[in-house]
């Protein structure tokens, strides 16, 4: 079981600035460890208009680094690493869902 990799589950909303300085709101899904680094999975909070167009949930993955004692989210530019981190995220979410199903029984 990989539960030792999970740092935090669904939590507060997060607001990030894009490269143009605009605020974008995200829902925190999961903070987890992968190969000694900390990562966060966020889901964009869609407005009503774009929510109606979305067929499936989106997930944004970031590496968390500490700068001056504060956490900073850094995009994952390496395509291979991004695929690995996404696969780890999916595995952890499957485990969480299985545990929740077992608790319901």
PDB file of N, CA and C in Angstrom:
ATOM      1  N   UNK A   1       0.834  -1.183   0.000  1.00  0.00           N
ATOM      2  CA  UNK A   1       0.000   0.000   0.000  1.00  0.00           C
ATOM      3  C   UNK A   1       0.877   1.245   0.000  1.00  0.00           C
ATOM      4  N   UNK A   2       0.467   2.227  -0.746  1.00  0.00           N
ATOM      5  CA  UNK A   2       1.252   3.446  -0.901  1.00  0.00           C
ATOM      6  C   UNK A   2       0.786   4.576   0.001  1.00  0.00           C
ATOM      7  N   UNK A   3      -0.121   4.300   0.949  1.00  0.00           N
ATOM      8  CA  UNK A   3      -0.662   5.363   1.791  1.00  0.00           C
ATOM      9  C   UNK A   3       0.416   6.205   2.455  1.00  0.00           C
ATOM     10  N   UNK A   4       1.598   5.646   2.656  1.00  0.00           N
ATOM     11  CA  UNK A   4       2.695   6.403   3.239  1.00  0.00           C
ATOM     12  C   UNK A   4       3.122   7.557   2.356  1.00  0.00           C
ATOM     13  N   UNK A   5       2.768   7.502   1.081  1.00  0.00           N
ATOM     14  CA  UNK A   5       3.116   8.564   0.142  1.00  0.00           C
ATOM     15  C   UNK A   5       2.134   9.728   0.204  1.00  0.00           C
ATOM     16  N   UNK A   6       0.961   9.505   0.791  1.00  0.00           N
ATOM     17  CA  UNK A   6      -0.069  10.541   0.835  1.00  0.00           C
ATOM     18  C   UNK A   6       0.209  11.475   2.001  1.00  0.00           C
ATOM     19  N   UNK A   7       0.302  12.750   1.696  1.00  0.00           N
ATOM     20  CA  UNK A   7       0.539  13.761   2.725  1.00  0.00           C
ATOM     21  C   UNK A   7      -0.772  14.399   3.145  1.00  0.00           C
ATOM     22  N   UNK A   8      -1.616  14.715   2.173  1.00  0.00           N
ATOM     23  CA  UNK A   8      -2.863  15.408   2.479  1.00  0.00           C
ATOM     24  C   UNK A   8      -3.870  15.093   1.385  1.00  0.00           C
ATOM     25  N   UNK A   9      -5.120  14.911   1.783  1.00  0.00           N
ATOM     26  CA  UNK A   9      -6.200  14.690   0.832  1.00  0.00           C
ATOM     27  C   UNK A   9      -6.986  15.977   0.652  1.00  0.00           C
ATOM     28  N   UNK A  10      -8.098  15.869  -0.033  1.00  0.00           N
ATOM     29  CA  UNK A  10      -8.904  17.033  -0.404  1.00  0.00           C
ATOM     30  C   UNK A  10      -8.945  18.071   0.706  1.00  0.00           C
ATOM     31  N   UNK A  11      -8.611  19.286   0.336  1.00  0.00           N
ATOM     32  CA  UNK A  11      -8.533  20.360   1.314  1.00  0.00           C
ATOM     33  C   UNK A  11      -9.083  21.649   0.767  1.00  0.00           C
ATOM     34  N   UNK A  12      -8.461  22.711   1.157  1.00  0.00           N
ATOM     35  CA  UNK A  12      -8.928  24.045   0.806  1.00  0.00           C
ATOM     36  C   UNK A  12      -8.666  24.380  -0.658  1.00  0.00           C
ATOM     37  N   UNK A  13      -9.373  25.401  -1.122  1.00  0.00           N
ATOM     38  CA  UNK A  13      -9.135  25.907  -2.469  1.00  0.00           C
ATOM     39  C   UNK A  13      -7.797  26.637  -2.512  1.00  0.00           C
ATOM     40  N   UNK A  14      -7.176  26.623  -3.681  1.00  0.00           N
ATOM     41  CA  UNK A  14      -5.879  27.258  -3.893  1.00  0.00           C
ATOM     42  C   UNK A  14      -6.027  28.245  -5.041  1.00  0.00           C
ATOM     43  N   UNK A  15      -5.434  29.422  -4.897  1.00  0.00           N
ATOM     44  CA  UNK A  15      -5.442  30.412  -5.982  1.00  0.00           C
ATOM     45  C   UNK A  15      -4.006  30.584  -6.462  1.00  0.00           C
ATOM     46  N   UNK A  16      -3.798  30.363  -7.757  1.00  0.00           N
ATOM     47  CA  UNK A  16      -2.478  30.510  -8.369  1.00  0.00           C
ATOM     48  C   UNK A  16      -2.526  31.612  -9.411  1.00  0.00           C
ATOM     49  N   UNK A  17      -1.399  32.290  -9.589  1.00  0.00           N
ATOM     50  CA  UNK A  17      -1.286  33.313 -10.626  1.00  0.00           C
ATOM     51  C   UNK A  17      -0.688  32.688 -11.877  1.00  0.00           C
ATOM     52  N   UNK A  18      -1.289  32.982 -13.045  1.00  0.00           N
ATOM     53  CA  UNK A  18      -0.702  32.491 -14.288  1.00  0.00           C
ATOM     54  C   UNK A  18       0.381  33.459 -14.760  1.00  0.00           C
ATOM     55  N   UNK A  19       0.978  33.177 -15.915  1.00  0.00           N
ATOM     56  CA  UNK A  19       2.090  34.002 -16.399  1.00  0.00           C
ATOM     57  C   UNK A  19       1.678  35.434 -16.719  1.00  0.00           C
ATOM     58  N   UNK A  20       0.360  35.676 -16.873  1.00  0.00           N
ATOM     59  CA  UNK A  20      -0.141  37.026 -17.134  1.00  0.00           C
ATOM     60  C   UNK A  20      -0.593  37.731 -15.858  1.00  0.00           C
ATOM     61  N   UNK A  21      -0.399  37.073 -14.704  1.00  0.00           N
ATOM     62  CA  UNK A  21      -0.779  37.674 -13.436  1.00  0.00           C
ATOM     63  C   UNK A  21      -2.241  37.515 -13.072  1.00  0.00           C
ATOM     64  N   UNK A  22      -2.983  36.720 -13.848  1.00  0.00           N
ATOM     65  CA  UNK A  22      -4.401  36.485 -13.545  1.00  0.00           C
ATOM     66  C   UNK A  22      -4.529  35.365 -12.520  1.00  0.00           C
ATOM     67  N   UNK A  23      -5.515  35.524 -11.650  1.00  0.00           N
ATOM     68  CA  UNK A  23      -5.769  34.515 -10.636  1.00  0.00           C
ATOM     69  C   UNK A  23      -6.595  33.371 -11.211  1.00  0.00           C
ATOM     70  N   UNK A  24      -6.206  32.146 -10.847  1.00  0.00           N
ATOM     71  CA  UNK A  24      -6.940  30.955 -11.240  1.00  0.00           C
ATOM     72  C   UNK A  24      -7.195  30.130  -9.980  1.00  0.00           C
ATOM     73  N   UNK A  25      -8.455  29.757  -9.767  1.00  0.00           N
ATOM     74  CA  UNK A  25      -8.821  28.999  -8.573  1.00  0.00           C
ATOM     75  C   UNK A  25      -8.787  27.505  -8.860  1.00  0.00           C
ATOM     76  N   UNK A  26      -8.265  26.749  -7.889  1.00  0.00           N
ATOM     77  CA  UNK A  26      -8.166  25.303  -7.992  1.00  0.00           C
ATOM     78  C   UNK A  26      -8.672  24.675  -6.707  1.00  0.00           C
ATOM     79  N   UNK A  27      -9.192  23.458  -6.824  1.00  0.00           N
ATOM     80  CA  UNK A  27      -9.541  22.658  -5.663  1.00  0.00           C
ATOM     81  C   UNK A  27      -8.374  21.718  -5.384  1.00  0.00           C
ATOM     82  N   UNK A  28      -7.924  21.686  -4.145  1.00  0.00           N
ATOM     83  CA  UNK A  28      -6.842  20.782  -3.755  1.00  0.00           C
ATOM     84  C   UNK A  28      -7.394  19.365  -3.702  1.00  0.00           C
ATOM     85  N   UNK A  29      -6.760  18.448  -4.439  1.00  0.00           N
ATOM     86  CA  UNK A  29      -7.194  17.055  -4.453  1.00  0.00           C
ATOM     87  C   UNK A  29      -6.304  16.206  -3.554  1.00  0.00           C
ATOM     88  N   UNK A  30      -4.980  16.317  -3.771  1.00  0.00           N
ATOM     89  CA  UNK A  30      -4.069  15.421  -3.080  1.00  0.00           C
ATOM     90  C   UNK A  30      -2.669  15.999  -3.073  1.00  0.00           C
ATOM     91  N   UNK A  31      -1.977  15.862  -1.953  1.00  0.00           N
ATOM     92  CA  UNK A  31      -0.557  16.161  -1.867  1.00  0.00           C
ATOM     93  C   UNK A  31       0.120  14.836  -1.559  1.00  0.00           C
ATOM     94  N   UNK A  32       1.161  14.497  -2.311  1.00  0.00           N
ATOM     95  CA  UNK A  32       1.778  13.184  -2.159  1.00  0.00           C
ATOM     96  C   UNK A  32       3.270  13.232  -2.484  1.00  0.00           C
ATOM     97  N   UNK A  33       3.967  12.183  -2.063  1.00  0.00           N
ATOM     98  CA  UNK A  33       5.392  12.043  -2.327  1.00  0.00           C
ATOM     99  C   UNK A  33       5.593  11.097  -3.510  1.00  0.00           C
ATOM    100  N   UNK A  34       6.578  11.407  -4.330  1.00  0.00           N
ATOM    101  CA  UNK A  34       6.982  10.513  -5.402  1.00  0.00           C
ATOM    102  C   UNK A  34       8.484  10.673  -5.585  1.00  0.00           C
ATOM    103  N   UNK A  35       9.204   9.585  -5.429  1.00  0.00           N
ATOM    104  CA  UNK A  35      10.661   9.549  -5.574  1.00  0.00           C
ATOM    105  C   UNK A  35      11.345  10.674  -4.801  1.00  0.00           C
ATOM    106  N   UNK A  36      10.922  10.865  -3.558  1.00  0.00           N
ATOM    107  CA  UNK A  36      11.574  11.822  -2.673  1.00  0.00           C
ATOM    108  C   UNK A  36      11.171  13.271  -2.861  1.00  0.00           C
ATOM    109  N   UNK A  37      10.265  13.551  -3.772  1.00  0.00           N
ATOM    110  CA  UNK A  37       9.793  14.918  -3.986  1.00  0.00           C
ATOM    111  C   UNK A  37       8.313  14.999  -3.650  1.00  0.00           C
ATOM    112  N   UNK A  38       7.872  16.192  -3.270  1.00  0.00           N
ATOM    113  CA  UNK A  38       6.478  16.422  -2.909  1.00  0.00           C
ATOM    114  C   UNK A  38       5.751  17.028  -4.110  1.00  0.00           C
ATOM    115  N   UNK A  39       4.558  16.481  -4.386  1.00  0.00           N
ATOM    116  CA  UNK A  39       3.741  16.940  -5.502  1.00  0.00           C
ATOM    117  C   UNK A  39       2.330  17.237  -5.021  1.00  0.00           C
ATOM    118  N   UNK A  40       1.637  18.073  -5.775  1.00  0.00           N
ATOM    119  CA  UNK A  40       0.252  18.395  -5.467  1.00  0.00           C
ATOM    120  C   UNK A  40      -0.579  18.220  -6.733  1.00  0.00           C
ATOM    121  N   UNK A  41      -1.792  17.679  -6.537  1.00  0.00           N
ATOM    122  CA  UNK A  41      -2.761  17.539  -7.624  1.00  0.00           C
ATOM    123  C   UNK A  41      -3.899  18.515  -7.345  1.00  0.00           C
ATOM    124  N   UNK A  42      -4.177  19.357  -8.326  1.00  0.00           N
ATOM    125  CA  UNK A  42      -5.220  20.372  -8.205  1.00  0.00           C
ATOM    126  C   UNK A  42      -6.203  20.219  -9.354  1.00  0.00           C
ATOM    127  N   UNK A  43      -7.434  20.567  -9.099  1.00  0.00           N
ATOM    128  CA  UNK A  43      -8.451  20.549 -10.141  1.00  0.00           C
ATOM    129  C   UNK A  43      -8.956  21.980 -10.338  1.00  0.00           C
ATOM    130  N   UNK A  44      -8.916  22.477 -11.574  1.00  0.00           N
ATOM    131  CA  UNK A  44      -9.404  23.839 -11.806  1.00  0.00           C
ATOM    132  C   UNK A  44     -10.872  23.968 -11.414  1.00  0.00           C
ATOM    133  N   UNK A  45     -11.190  25.048 -10.728  1.00  0.00           N
ATOM    134  CA  UNK A  45     -12.582  25.321 -10.390  1.00  0.00           C
ATOM    135  C   UNK A  45     -13.162  26.082 -11.567  1.00  0.00           C
ATOM    136  N   UNK A  46     -14.048  25.407 -12.282  1.00  0.00           N
ATOM    137  CA  UNK A  46     -14.594  25.973 -13.509  1.00  0.00           C
ATOM    138  C   UNK A  46     -15.770  26.876 -13.202  1.00  0.00           C
ATOM    139  N   UNK A  47     -15.910  27.907 -14.027  1.00  0.00           N
ATOM    140  CA  UNK A  47     -17.113  28.713 -13.914  1.00  0.00           C
ATOM    141  C   UNK A  47     -18.258  27.922 -14.550  1.00  0.00           C
ATOM    142  N   UNK A  48     -19.479  28.385 -14.391  1.00  0.00           N
ATOM    143  CA  UNK A  48     -20.639  27.640 -14.879  1.00  0.00           C
ATOM    144  C   UNK A  48     -20.580  27.380 -16.379  1.00  0.00           C
ATOM    145  N   UNK A  49     -20.100  28.349 -17.130  1.00  0.00           N
ATOM    146  CA  UNK A  49     -20.066  28.226 -18.586  1.00  0.00           C
ATOM    147  C   UNK A  49     -19.109  27.118 -19.024  1.00  0.00           C
ATOM    148  N   UNK A  50     -17.893  27.104 -18.495  1.00  0.00           N
ATOM    149  CA  UNK A  50     -16.925  26.090 -18.912  1.00  0.00           C
ATOM    150  C   UNK A  50     -17.223  24.743 -18.260  1.00  0.00           C
ATOM    151  N   UNK A  51     -17.919  24.737 -17.121  1.00  0.00           N
ATOM    152  CA  UNK A  51     -18.268  23.478 -16.464  1.00  0.00           C
ATOM    153  C   UNK A  51     -19.249  22.687 -17.317  1.00  0.00           C
ATOM    154  N   UNK A  52     -20.116  23.387 -18.051  1.00  0.00           N
ATOM    155  CA  UNK A  52     -21.082  22.690 -18.892  1.00  0.00           C
ATOM    156  C   UNK A  52     -20.404  22.046 -20.088  1.00  0.00           C
ATOM    157  N   UNK A  53     -19.260  22.569 -20.523  1.00  0.00           N
ATOM    158  CA  UNK A  53     -18.564  22.022 -21.678  1.00  0.00           C
ATOM    159  C   UNK A  53     -17.638  20.871 -21.313  1.00  0.00           C
ATOM    160  N   UNK A  54     -17.279  20.757 -20.072  1.00  0.00           N
ATOM    161  CA  UNK A  54     -16.290  19.760 -19.660  1.00  0.00           C
ATOM    162  C   UNK A  54     -16.917  18.378 -19.586  1.00  0.00           C
ATOM    163  N   UNK A  55     -16.271  17.417 -20.267  1.00  0.00           N
ATOM    164  CA  UNK A  55     -16.749  16.040 -20.235  1.00  0.00           C
ATOM    165  C   UNK A  55     -16.092  15.239 -19.121  1.00  0.00           C
ATOM    166  N   UNK A  56     -14.868  15.582 -18.773  1.00  0.00           N
ATOM    167  CA  UNK A  56     -14.168  14.864 -17.714  1.00  0.00           C
ATOM    168  C   UNK A  56     -13.354  15.830 -16.872  1.00  0.00           C
ATOM    169  N   UNK A  57     -13.022  15.387 -15.681  1.00  0.00           N
ATOM    170  CA  UNK A  57     -12.297  16.241 -14.746  1.00  0.00           C
ATOM    171  C   UNK A  57     -10.872  16.490 -15.222  1.00  0.00           C
ATOM    172  N   UNK A  58     -10.392  17.687 -14.963  1.00  0.00           N
ATOM    173  CA  UNK A  58      -9.006  18.038 -15.269  1.00  0.00           C
ATOM    174  C   UNK A  58      -8.200  18.012 -13.992  1.00  0.00           C
ATOM    175  N   UNK A  59      -6.931  17.654 -14.130  1.00  0.00           N
ATOM    176  CA  UNK A  59      -6.023  17.651 -12.994  1.00  0.00           C
ATOM    177  C   UNK A  59      -4.748  18.367 -13.407  1.00  0.00           C
ATOM    178  N   UNK A  60      -4.306  19.279 -12.568  1.00  0.00           N
ATOM    179  CA  UNK A  60      -3.027  19.957 -12.776  1.00  0.00           C
ATOM    180  C   UNK A  60      -2.072  19.437 -11.706  1.00  0.00           C
ATOM    181  N   UNK A  61      -0.891  19.014 -12.133  1.00  0.00           N
ATOM    182  CA  UNK A  61       0.113  18.489 -11.213  1.00  0.00           C
ATOM    183  C   UNK A  61       1.284  19.455 -11.123  1.00  0.00           C
ATOM    184  N   UNK A  62       1.751  19.706  -9.896  1.00  0.00           N
ATOM    185  CA  UNK A  62       2.882  20.590  -9.661  1.00  0.00           C
ATOM    186  C   UNK A  62       3.828  19.948  -8.660  1.00  0.00           C
ATOM    187  N   UNK A  63       5.098  20.240  -8.794  1.00  0.00           N
ATOM    188  CA  UNK A  63       6.071  19.858  -7.782  1.00  0.00           C
ATOM    189  C   UNK A  63       6.089  20.975  -6.743  1.00  0.00           C
ATOM    190  N   UNK A  64       6.176  20.602  -5.486  1.00  0.00           N
ATOM    191  CA  UNK A  64       6.221  21.594  -4.413  1.00  0.00           C
ATOM    192  C   UNK A  64       7.660  21.748  -3.958  1.00  0.00           C
ATOM    193  N   UNK A  65       8.148  22.984  -4.016  1.00  0.00           N
ATOM    194  CA  UNK A  65       9.486  23.278  -3.504  1.00  0.00           C
ATOM    195  C   UNK A  65       9.347  24.326  -2.410  1.00  0.00           C
ATOM    196  N   UNK A  66      10.313  24.371  -1.533  1.00  0.00           N
ATOM    197  CA  UNK A  66      10.284  25.339  -0.445  1.00  0.00           C
ATOM    198  C   UNK A  66      11.214  26.496  -0.784  1.00  0.00           C
ATOM    199  N   UNK A  67      10.673  27.701  -0.810  1.00  0.00           N
ATOM    200  CA  UNK A  67      11.445  28.909  -1.078  1.00  0.00           C
ATOM    201  C   UNK A  67      11.236  29.877   0.078  1.00  0.00           C
ATOM    202  N   UNK A  68      12.312  30.242   0.742  1.00  0.00           N
ATOM    203  CA  UNK A  68      12.238  31.183   1.865  1.00  0.00           C
ATOM    204  C   UNK A  68      11.215  30.746   2.915  1.00  0.00           C
ATOM    205  N   UNK A  69      11.161  29.446   3.171  1.00  0.00           N
ATOM    206  CA  UNK A  69      10.257  28.917   4.175  1.00  0.00           C
ATOM    207  C   UNK A  69       8.814  28.777   3.737  1.00  0.00           C
ATOM    208  N   UNK A  70       8.515  29.087   2.485  1.00  0.00           N
ATOM    209  CA  UNK A  70       7.158  28.961   1.970  1.00  0.00           C
ATOM    210  C   UNK A  70       7.131  27.993   0.803  1.00  0.00           C
ATOM    211  N   UNK A  71       6.008  27.287   0.649  1.00  0.00           N
ATOM    212  CA  UNK A  71       5.863  26.356  -0.461  1.00  0.00           C
ATOM    213  C   UNK A  71       5.590  27.117  -1.755  1.00  0.00           C
ATOM    214  N   UNK A  72       6.226  26.661  -2.823  1.00  0.00           N
ATOM    215  CA  UNK A  72       5.978  27.202  -4.160  1.00  0.00           C
ATOM    216  C   UNK A  72       5.652  26.029  -5.079  1.00  0.00           C
ATOM    217  N   UNK A  73       4.683  26.213  -5.963  1.00  0.00           N
ATOM    218  CA  UNK A  73       4.296  25.183  -6.912  1.00  0.00           C
ATOM    219  C   UNK A  73       5.020  25.438  -8.226  1.00  0.00           C
ATOM    220  N   UNK A  74       5.699  24.399  -8.714  1.00  0.00           N
ATOM    221  CA  UNK A  74       6.479  24.501  -9.939  1.00  0.00           C
ATOM    222  C   UNK A  74       5.922  23.514 -10.958  1.00  0.00           C
ATOM    223  N   UNK A  75       5.718  23.971 -12.186  1.00  0.00           N
ATOM    224  CA  UNK A  75       5.207  23.065 -13.220  1.00  0.00           C
ATOM    225  C   UNK A  75       6.261  22.004 -13.542  1.00  0.00           C
ATOM    226  N   UNK A  76       5.771  20.853 -13.978  1.00  0.00           N
ATOM    227  CA  UNK A  76       6.643  19.729 -14.318  1.00  0.00           C
ATOM    228  C   UNK A  76       6.859  19.769 -15.819  1.00  0.00           C
ATOM    229  N   UNK A  77       8.071  20.154 -16.231  1.00  0.00           N
ATOM    230  CA  UNK A  77       8.358  20.339 -17.649  1.00  0.00           C
ATOM    231  C   UNK A  77       8.793  19.054 -18.353  1.00  0.00           C
ATOM    232  N   UNK A  78       9.323  18.105 -17.603  1.00  0.00           N
ATOM    233  CA  UNK A  78       9.787  16.846 -18.177  1.00  0.00           C
ATOM    234  C   UNK A  78       8.584  15.935 -18.443  1.00  0.00           C
ATOM    235  N   UNK A  79       8.325  15.641 -19.701  1.00  0.00           N
ATOM    236  CA  UNK A  79       7.152  14.858 -20.107  1.00  0.00           C
ATOM    237  C   UNK A  79       7.135  13.463 -19.477  1.00  0.00           C
ATOM    238  N   UNK A  80       8.293  12.819 -19.404  1.00  0.00           N
ATOM    239  CA  UNK A  80       8.381  11.475 -18.825  1.00  0.00           C
ATOM    240  C   UNK A  80       8.051  11.533 -17.332  1.00  0.00           C
ATOM    241  N   UNK A  81       8.640  12.498 -16.636  1.00  0.00           N
ATOM    242  CA  UNK A  81       8.371  12.659 -15.210  1.00  0.00           C
ATOM    243  C   UNK A  81       6.901  12.984 -14.978  1.00  0.00           C
ATOM    244  N   UNK A  82       6.332  13.834 -15.792  1.00  0.00           N
ATOM    245  CA  UNK A  82       4.924  14.188 -15.664  1.00  0.00           C
ATOM    246  C   UNK A  82       4.044  12.943 -15.800  1.00  0.00           C
ATOM    247  N   UNK A  83       4.353  12.085 -16.768  1.00  0.00           N
ATOM    248  CA  UNK A  83       3.601  10.839 -16.940  1.00  0.00           C
ATOM    249  C   UNK A  83       3.739   9.942 -15.719  1.00  0.00           C
ATOM    250  N   UNK A  84       4.945   9.863 -15.151  1.00  0.00           N
ATOM    251  CA  UNK A  84       5.179   9.032 -13.966  1.00  0.00           C
ATOM    252  C   UNK A  84       4.414   9.575 -12.760  1.00  0.00           C
ATOM    253  N   UNK A  85       4.456  10.882 -12.566  1.00  0.00           N
ATOM    254  CA  UNK A  85       3.758  11.513 -11.432  1.00  0.00           C
ATOM    255  C   UNK A  85       2.252  11.331 -11.601  1.00  0.00           C
ATOM    256  N   UNK A  86       1.756  11.463 -12.824  1.00  0.00           N
ATOM    257  CA  UNK A  86       0.323  11.275 -13.080  1.00  0.00           C
ATOM    258  C   UNK A  86      -0.085   9.832 -12.793  1.00  0.00           C
ATOM    259  N   UNK A  87       0.746   8.885 -13.201  1.00  0.00           N
ATOM    260  CA  UNK A  87       0.460   7.468 -12.927  1.00  0.00           C
ATOM    261  C   UNK A  87       0.432   7.207 -11.422  1.00  0.00           C
ATOM    262  N   UNK A  88       1.356   7.805 -10.679  1.00  0.00           N
ATOM    263  CA  UNK A  88       1.369   7.669  -9.219  1.00  0.00           C
ATOM    264  C   UNK A  88       0.093   8.270  -8.631  1.00  0.00           C
ATOM    265  N   UNK A  89      -0.302   9.430  -9.102  1.00  0.00           N
ATOM    266  CA  UNK A  89      -1.536  10.071  -8.647  1.00  0.00           C
ATOM    267  C   UNK A  89      -2.742   9.149  -8.877  1.00  0.00           C
ATOM    268  N   UNK A  90      -2.840   8.563 -10.080  1.00  0.00           N
ATOM    269  CA  UNK A  90      -3.961   7.672 -10.383  1.00  0.00           C
ATOM    270  C   UNK A  90      -3.956   6.447  -9.474  1.00  0.00           C
ATOM    271  N   UNK A  91      -2.770   5.871  -9.225  1.00  0.00           N
ATOM    272  CA  UNK A  91      -2.658   4.717  -8.321  1.00  0.00           C
ATOM    273  C   UNK A  91      -3.147   5.076  -6.916  1.00  0.00           C
ATOM    274  N   UNK A  92      -2.714   6.228  -6.425  1.00  0.00           N
ATOM    275  CA  UNK A  92      -3.110   6.653  -5.089  1.00  0.00           C
ATOM    276  C   UNK A  92      -4.614   6.913  -5.013  1.00  0.00           C
ATOM    277  N   UNK A  93      -5.174   7.530  -6.043  1.00  0.00           N
ATOM    278  CA  UNK A  93      -6.611   7.793  -6.054  1.00  0.00           C
ATOM    279  C   UNK A  93      -7.399   6.479  -6.101  1.00  0.00           C
ATOM    280  N   UNK A  94      -6.900   5.482  -6.853  1.00  0.00           N
ATOM    281  CA  UNK A  94      -7.545   4.169  -6.881  1.00  0.00           C
ATOM    282  C   UNK A  94      -7.549   3.545  -5.490  1.00  0.00           C
ATOM    283  N   UNK A  95      -6.415   3.643  -4.792  1.00  0.00           N
ATOM    284  CA  UNK A  95      -6.319   3.097  -3.446  1.00  0.00           C
ATOM    285  C   UNK A  95      -7.284   3.806  -2.494  1.00  0.00           C
ATOM    286  N   UNK A  96      -7.370   5.119  -2.601  1.00  0.00           N
ATOM    287  CA  UNK A  96      -8.289   5.889  -1.753  1.00  0.00           C
ATOM    288  C   UNK A  96      -9.725   5.462  -2.027  1.00  0.00           C
ATOM    289  N   UNK A  97     -10.076   5.330  -3.299  1.00  0.00           N
ATOM    290  CA  UNK A  97     -11.436   4.932  -3.667  1.00  0.00           C
ATOM    291  C   UNK A  97     -11.757   3.525  -3.178  1.00  0.00           C
ATOM    292  N   UNK A  98     -10.792   2.607  -3.274  1.00  0.00           N
ATOM    293  CA  UNK A  98     -10.999   1.236  -2.792  1.00  0.00           C
ATOM    294  C   UNK A  98     -11.219   1.230  -1.287  1.00  0.00           C
ATOM    295  N   UNK A  99     -10.434   2.021  -0.549  1.00  0.00           N
ATOM    296  CA  UNK A  99     -10.579   2.095   0.903  1.00  0.00           C
ATOM    297  C   UNK A  99     -11.959   2.644   1.275  1.00  0.00           C
ATOM    298  N   UNK A 100     -12.407   3.667   0.559  1.00  0.00           N
ATOM    299  CA  UNK A 100     -13.717   4.255   0.837  1.00  0.00           C
ATOM    300  C   UNK A 100     -14.826   3.254   0.566  1.00  0.00           C
ATOM    301  N   UNK A 101     -14.674   2.464  -0.498  1.00  0.00           N
ATOM    302  CA  UNK A 101     -15.679   1.425  -0.819  1.00  0.00           C
ATOM    303  C   UNK A 101     -15.717   0.363   0.259  1.00  0.00           C
ATOM    304  N   UNK A 102     -14.530  -0.038   0.767  1.00  0.00           N
ATOM    305  CA  UNK A 102     -14.468  -1.050   1.821  1.00  0.00           C
ATOM    306  C   UNK A 102     -15.110  -0.538   3.096  1.00  0.00           C
ATOM    307  N   UNK A 103     -14.935   0.750   3.394  1.00  0.00           N
ATOM    308  CA  UNK A 103     -15.524   1.331   4.593  1.00  0.00           C
ATOM    309  C   UNK A 103     -17.041   1.370   4.516  1.00  0.00           C
ATOM    310  N   UNK A 104     -17.597   1.470   3.318  1.00  0.00           N
ATOM    311  CA  UNK A 104     -19.047   1.515   3.129  1.00  0.00           C
ATOM    312  C   UNK A 104     -19.691   0.149   3.352  1.00  0.00           C
ATOM    313  N   UNK A 105     -18.912  -0.910   3.141  1.00  0.00           N
ATOM    314  CA  UNK A 105     -19.471  -2.263   3.252  1.00  0.00           C
ATOM    315  C   UNK A 105     -19.697  -2.701   4.649  1.00  0.00           C
TER     316      UNK A 105
END
